Amino acid sequence: MRFIKYGFLAILAILLVTITLANRQIVTLSLLPGDMATFSGLHVSLQIPLFLVVMLGVVLGLLIGFFWEWLRETKHRSEASVKAREARRLAREVEVLKAEKRRSEGHDDDVLALLDDTKAAS
């Protein structure tokens, strides 16, 4: 399994280097289209290699997707938190009931109580 992982990473690295070498030309990246930039007065542009535009687009898309998924799963995380709290509360309640049962049966000895617990579990 480890070799498959390393093989996949090697193929991915070769692919990224190939894309980088094939797209080294400089492109102008503008914030707004020409007429809109003239109208608003925001002439913001940047000259960077094309592969950076592509890679930054992929990274930005991944980050937006991860954030969107994190927001979507918020209800599942809160529900799991509520269920975990309920499980802890019920476990404490079971311990209290077991202690009351031991006292009512007259088992003040911890060893005898443990033996009764193992008999009840099996």
C-alpha atoms as a PDB file:
ATOM      1  CA  MET A   1       0.000   0.000   0.000  1.00  0.00           C
ATOM      2  CA  ARG A   2       2.870   2.328   0.807  1.00  0.00           C
ATOM      3  CA  PHE A   3       4.378   1.780  -2.656  1.00  0.00           C
ATOM      4  CA  ILE A   4       1.078   2.673  -4.308  1.00  0.00           C
ATOM      5  CA  LYS A   5       0.978   5.900  -2.282  1.00  0.00           C
ATOM      6  CA  TYR A   6       4.551   6.828  -3.226  1.00  0.00           C
ATOM      7  CA  GLY A   7       3.917   5.873  -6.851  1.00  0.00           C
ATOM      8  CA  PHE A   8       0.827   8.087  -6.980  1.00  0.00           C
ATOM      9  CA  LEU A   9       2.745  10.992  -5.413  1.00  0.00           C
ATOM     10  CA  ALA A  10       5.598  10.538  -7.911  1.00  0.00           C
ATOM     11  CA  ILE A  11       3.190  10.547 -10.864  1.00  0.00           C
ATOM     12  CA  LEU A  12       1.468  13.629  -9.443  1.00  0.00           C
ATOM     13  CA  ALA A  13       4.817  15.417  -9.016  1.00  0.00           C
ATOM     14  CA  ILE A  14       5.860  14.575 -12.584  1.00  0.00           C
ATOM     15  CA  LEU A  15       2.502  15.818 -13.858  1.00  0.00           C
ATOM     16  CA  LEU A  16       2.794  19.105 -11.947  1.00  0.00           C
ATOM     17  CA  VAL A  17       6.366  19.701 -13.159  1.00  0.00           C
ATOM     18  CA  THR A  18       5.288  18.969 -16.747  1.00  0.00           C
ATOM     19  CA  ILE A  19       2.386  21.429 -16.509  1.00  0.00           C
ATOM     20  CA  THR A  20       4.710  24.015 -14.985  1.00  0.00           C
ATOM     21  CA  LEU A  21       7.311  23.654 -17.736  1.00  0.00           C
ATOM     22  CA  ALA A  22       4.672  23.768 -20.477  1.00  0.00           C
ATOM     23  CA  ASN A  23       3.029  26.946 -19.134  1.00  0.00           C
ATOM     24  CA  ARG A  24       5.889  29.255 -18.208  1.00  0.00           C
ATOM     25  CA  GLN A  25       4.755  32.180 -20.366  1.00  0.00           C
ATOM     26  CA  ILE A  26       3.861  35.385 -18.567  1.00  0.00           C
ATOM     27  CA  VAL A  27       0.189  36.424 -18.567  1.00  0.00           C
ATOM     28  CA  THR A  28      -1.530  39.542 -17.284  1.00  0.00           C
ATOM     29  CA  LEU A  29      -4.099  38.898 -14.606  1.00  0.00           C
ATOM     30  CA  SER A  30      -6.522  41.819 -14.176  1.00  0.00           C
ATOM     31  CA  LEU A  31      -8.936  42.373 -11.318  1.00  0.00           C
ATOM     32  CA  LEU A  32     -11.636  43.892 -13.557  1.00  0.00           C
ATOM     33  CA  PRO A  33     -12.291  43.956 -17.324  1.00  0.00           C
ATOM     34  CA  GLY A  34     -10.907  47.007 -19.182  1.00  0.00           C
ATOM     35  CA  ASP A  35     -14.063  49.140 -19.456  1.00  0.00           C
ATOM     36  CA  MET A  36     -15.173  48.371 -15.929  1.00  0.00           C
ATOM     37  CA  ALA A  37     -11.692  49.163 -14.570  1.00  0.00           C
ATOM     38  CA  THR A  38     -11.744  52.507 -16.381  1.00  0.00           C
ATOM     39  CA  PHE A  39     -15.219  53.328 -15.052  1.00  0.00           C
ATOM     40  CA  SER A  40     -14.389  52.373 -11.440  1.00  0.00           C
ATOM     41  CA  GLY A  41     -10.812  53.645 -11.443  1.00  0.00           C
ATOM     42  CA  LEU A  42      -9.423  50.296 -10.252  1.00  0.00           C
ATOM     43  CA  HIS A  43      -6.658  49.411 -12.699  1.00  0.00           C
ATOM     44  CA  VAL A  44      -5.221  46.459 -10.786  1.00  0.00           C
ATOM     45  CA  SER A  45      -3.288  43.931 -12.823  1.00  0.00           C
ATOM     46  CA  LEU A  46      -0.503  41.477 -12.179  1.00  0.00           C
ATOM     47  CA  GLN A  47       1.900  39.733 -14.528  1.00  0.00           C
ATOM     48  CA  ILE A  48       2.618  36.167 -13.431  1.00  0.00           C
ATOM     49  CA  PRO A  49       3.393  32.841 -15.121  1.00  0.00           C
ATOM     50  CA  LEU A  50       0.367  30.951 -16.406  1.00  0.00           C
ATOM     51  CA  PHE A  51       1.082  27.853 -14.312  1.00  0.00           C
ATOM     52  CA  LEU A  52       0.729  29.972 -11.152  1.00  0.00           C
ATOM     53  CA  VAL A  53      -2.715  31.105 -12.273  1.00  0.00           C
ATOM     54  CA  VAL A  54      -3.743  27.475 -12.805  1.00  0.00           C
ATOM     55  CA  MET A  55      -2.213  26.187  -9.553  1.00  0.00           C
ATOM     56  CA  LEU A  56      -3.631  29.050  -7.489  1.00  0.00           C
ATOM     57  CA  GLY A  57      -7.048  28.406  -9.019  1.00  0.00           C
ATOM     58  CA  VAL A  58      -6.862  24.746  -8.022  1.00  0.00           C
ATOM     59  CA  VAL A  59      -5.715  25.585  -4.485  1.00  0.00           C
ATOM     60  CA  LEU A  60      -8.394  28.253  -4.082  1.00  0.00           C
ATOM     61  CA  GLY A  61     -11.050  25.826  -5.331  1.00  0.00           C
ATOM     62  CA  LEU A  62      -9.910  23.183  -2.846  1.00  0.00           C
ATOM     63  CA  LEU A  63      -9.956  25.653   0.041  1.00  0.00           C
ATOM     64  CA  ILE A  64     -13.439  26.861  -0.854  1.00  0.00           C
ATOM     65  CA  GLY A  65     -14.625  23.254  -1.145  1.00  0.00           C
ATOM     66  CA  PHE A  66     -13.124  22.278   2.220  1.00  0.00           C
ATOM     67  CA  PHE A  67     -14.680  25.303   3.902  1.00  0.00           C
ATOM     68  CA  TRP A  68     -18.069  24.631   2.285  1.00  0.00           C
ATOM     69  CA  GLU A  69     -17.965  20.995   3.432  1.00  0.00           C
ATOM     70  CA  TRP A  70     -16.952  22.045   6.954  1.00  0.00           C
ATOM     71  CA  LEU A  71     -19.981  24.369   7.088  1.00  0.00           C
ATOM     72  CA  ARG A  72     -22.250  21.644   5.718  1.00  0.00           C
ATOM     73  CA  GLU A  73     -21.128  19.146   8.364  1.00  0.00           C
ATOM     74  CA  THR A  74     -21.710  21.523  11.298  1.00  0.00           C
ATOM     75  CA  LYS A  75     -25.073  19.959  12.138  1.00  0.00           C
ATOM     76  CA  HIS A  76     -23.520  16.467  12.166  1.00  0.00           C
ATOM     77  CA  ARG A  77     -20.734  17.576  14.509  1.00  0.00           C
ATOM     78  CA  SER A  78     -23.175  19.252  16.893  1.00  0.00           C
ATOM     79  CA  GLU A  79     -25.417  16.168  16.880  1.00  0.00           C
ATOM     80  CA  ALA A  80     -22.430  13.937  17.649  1.00  0.00           C
ATOM     81  CA  SER A  81     -21.480  16.238  20.515  1.00  0.00           C
ATOM     82  CA  VAL A  82     -24.996  16.019  21.962  1.00  0.00           C
ATOM     83  CA  LYS A  83     -24.967  12.213  21.662  1.00  0.00           C
ATOM     84  CA  ALA A  84     -21.557  11.990  23.370  1.00  0.00           C
ATOM     85  CA  ARG A  85     -22.795  14.158  26.260  1.00  0.00           C
ATOM     86  CA  GLU A  86     -25.875  11.971  26.584  1.00  0.00           C
ATOM     87  CA  ALA A  87     -23.729   8.807  26.602  1.00  0.00           C
ATOM     88  CA  ARG A  88     -21.509  10.229  29.371  1.00  0.00           C
ATOM     89  CA  ARG A  89     -24.580  11.222  31.398  1.00  0.00           C
ATOM     90  CA  LEU A  90     -26.085   7.750  31.022  1.00  0.00           C
ATOM     91  CA  ALA A  91     -22.786   6.086  31.988  1.00  0.00           C
ATOM     92  CA  ARG A  92     -22.676   8.181  35.173  1.00  0.00           C
ATOM     93  CA  GLU A  93     -26.280   7.255  35.880  1.00  0.00           C
ATOM     94  CA  VAL A  94     -25.505   3.551  35.451  1.00  0.00           C
ATOM     95  CA  GLU A  95     -22.621   3.843  37.915  1.00  0.00           C
ATOM     96  CA  VAL A  96     -24.885   5.548  40.460  1.00  0.00           C
ATOM     97  CA  LEU A  97     -27.531   2.845  40.046  1.00  0.00           C
ATOM     98  CA  LYS A  98     -24.920   0.086  40.437  1.00  0.00           C
ATOM     99  CA  ALA A  99     -23.633   1.714  43.624  1.00  0.00           C
ATOM    100  CA  GLU A 100     -27.188   1.967  44.985  1.00  0.00           C
ATOM    101  CA  LYS A 101     -27.807  -1.682  44.125  1.00  0.00           C
ATOM    102  CA  ARG A 102     -24.640  -2.744  45.929  1.00  0.00           C
ATOM    103  CA  ARG A 103     -25.636  -0.779  49.010  1.00  0.00           C
ATOM    104  CA  SER A 104     -29.144  -2.228  48.964  1.00  0.00           C
ATOM    105  CA  GLU A 105     -27.766  -5.772  48.685  1.00  0.00           C
ATOM    106  CA  GLY A 106     -25.329  -5.145  51.490  1.00  0.00           C
ATOM    107  CA  HIS A 107     -22.111  -5.396  49.466  1.00  0.00           C
ATOM    108  CA  ASP A 108     -19.838  -2.938  51.177  1.00  0.00           C
ATOM    109  CA  ASP A 109     -16.808  -4.880  49.981  1.00  0.00           C
ATOM    110  CA  ASP A 110     -15.437  -3.725  46.623  1.00  0.00           C
ATOM    111  CA  VAL A 111     -14.133  -7.185  45.739  1.00  0.00           C
ATOM    112  CA  LEU A 112     -17.555  -8.763  46.149  1.00  0.00           C
ATOM    113  CA  ALA A 113     -19.093  -5.965  44.086  1.00  0.00           C
ATOM    114  CA  LEU A 114     -16.584  -6.619  41.298  1.00  0.00           C
ATOM    115  CA  LEU A 115     -17.389 -10.327  41.388  1.00  0.00           C
ATOM    116  CA  ASP A 116     -21.105  -9.537  41.099  1.00  0.00           C
ATOM    117  CA  ASP A 117     -20.384  -7.248  38.159  1.00  0.00           C
ATOM    118  CA  THR A 118     -18.466  -9.990  36.325  1.00  0.00           C
ATOM    119  CA  LYS A 119     -21.272 -12.494  36.967  1.00  0.00           C
ATOM    120  CA  ALA A 120     -23.840 -10.029  35.637  1.00  0.00           C
ATOM    121  CA  ALA A 121     -21.740  -9.294  32.527  1.00  0.00           C
ATOM    122  CA  SER A 122     -21.436 -12.971  31.555  1.00  0.00           C
END
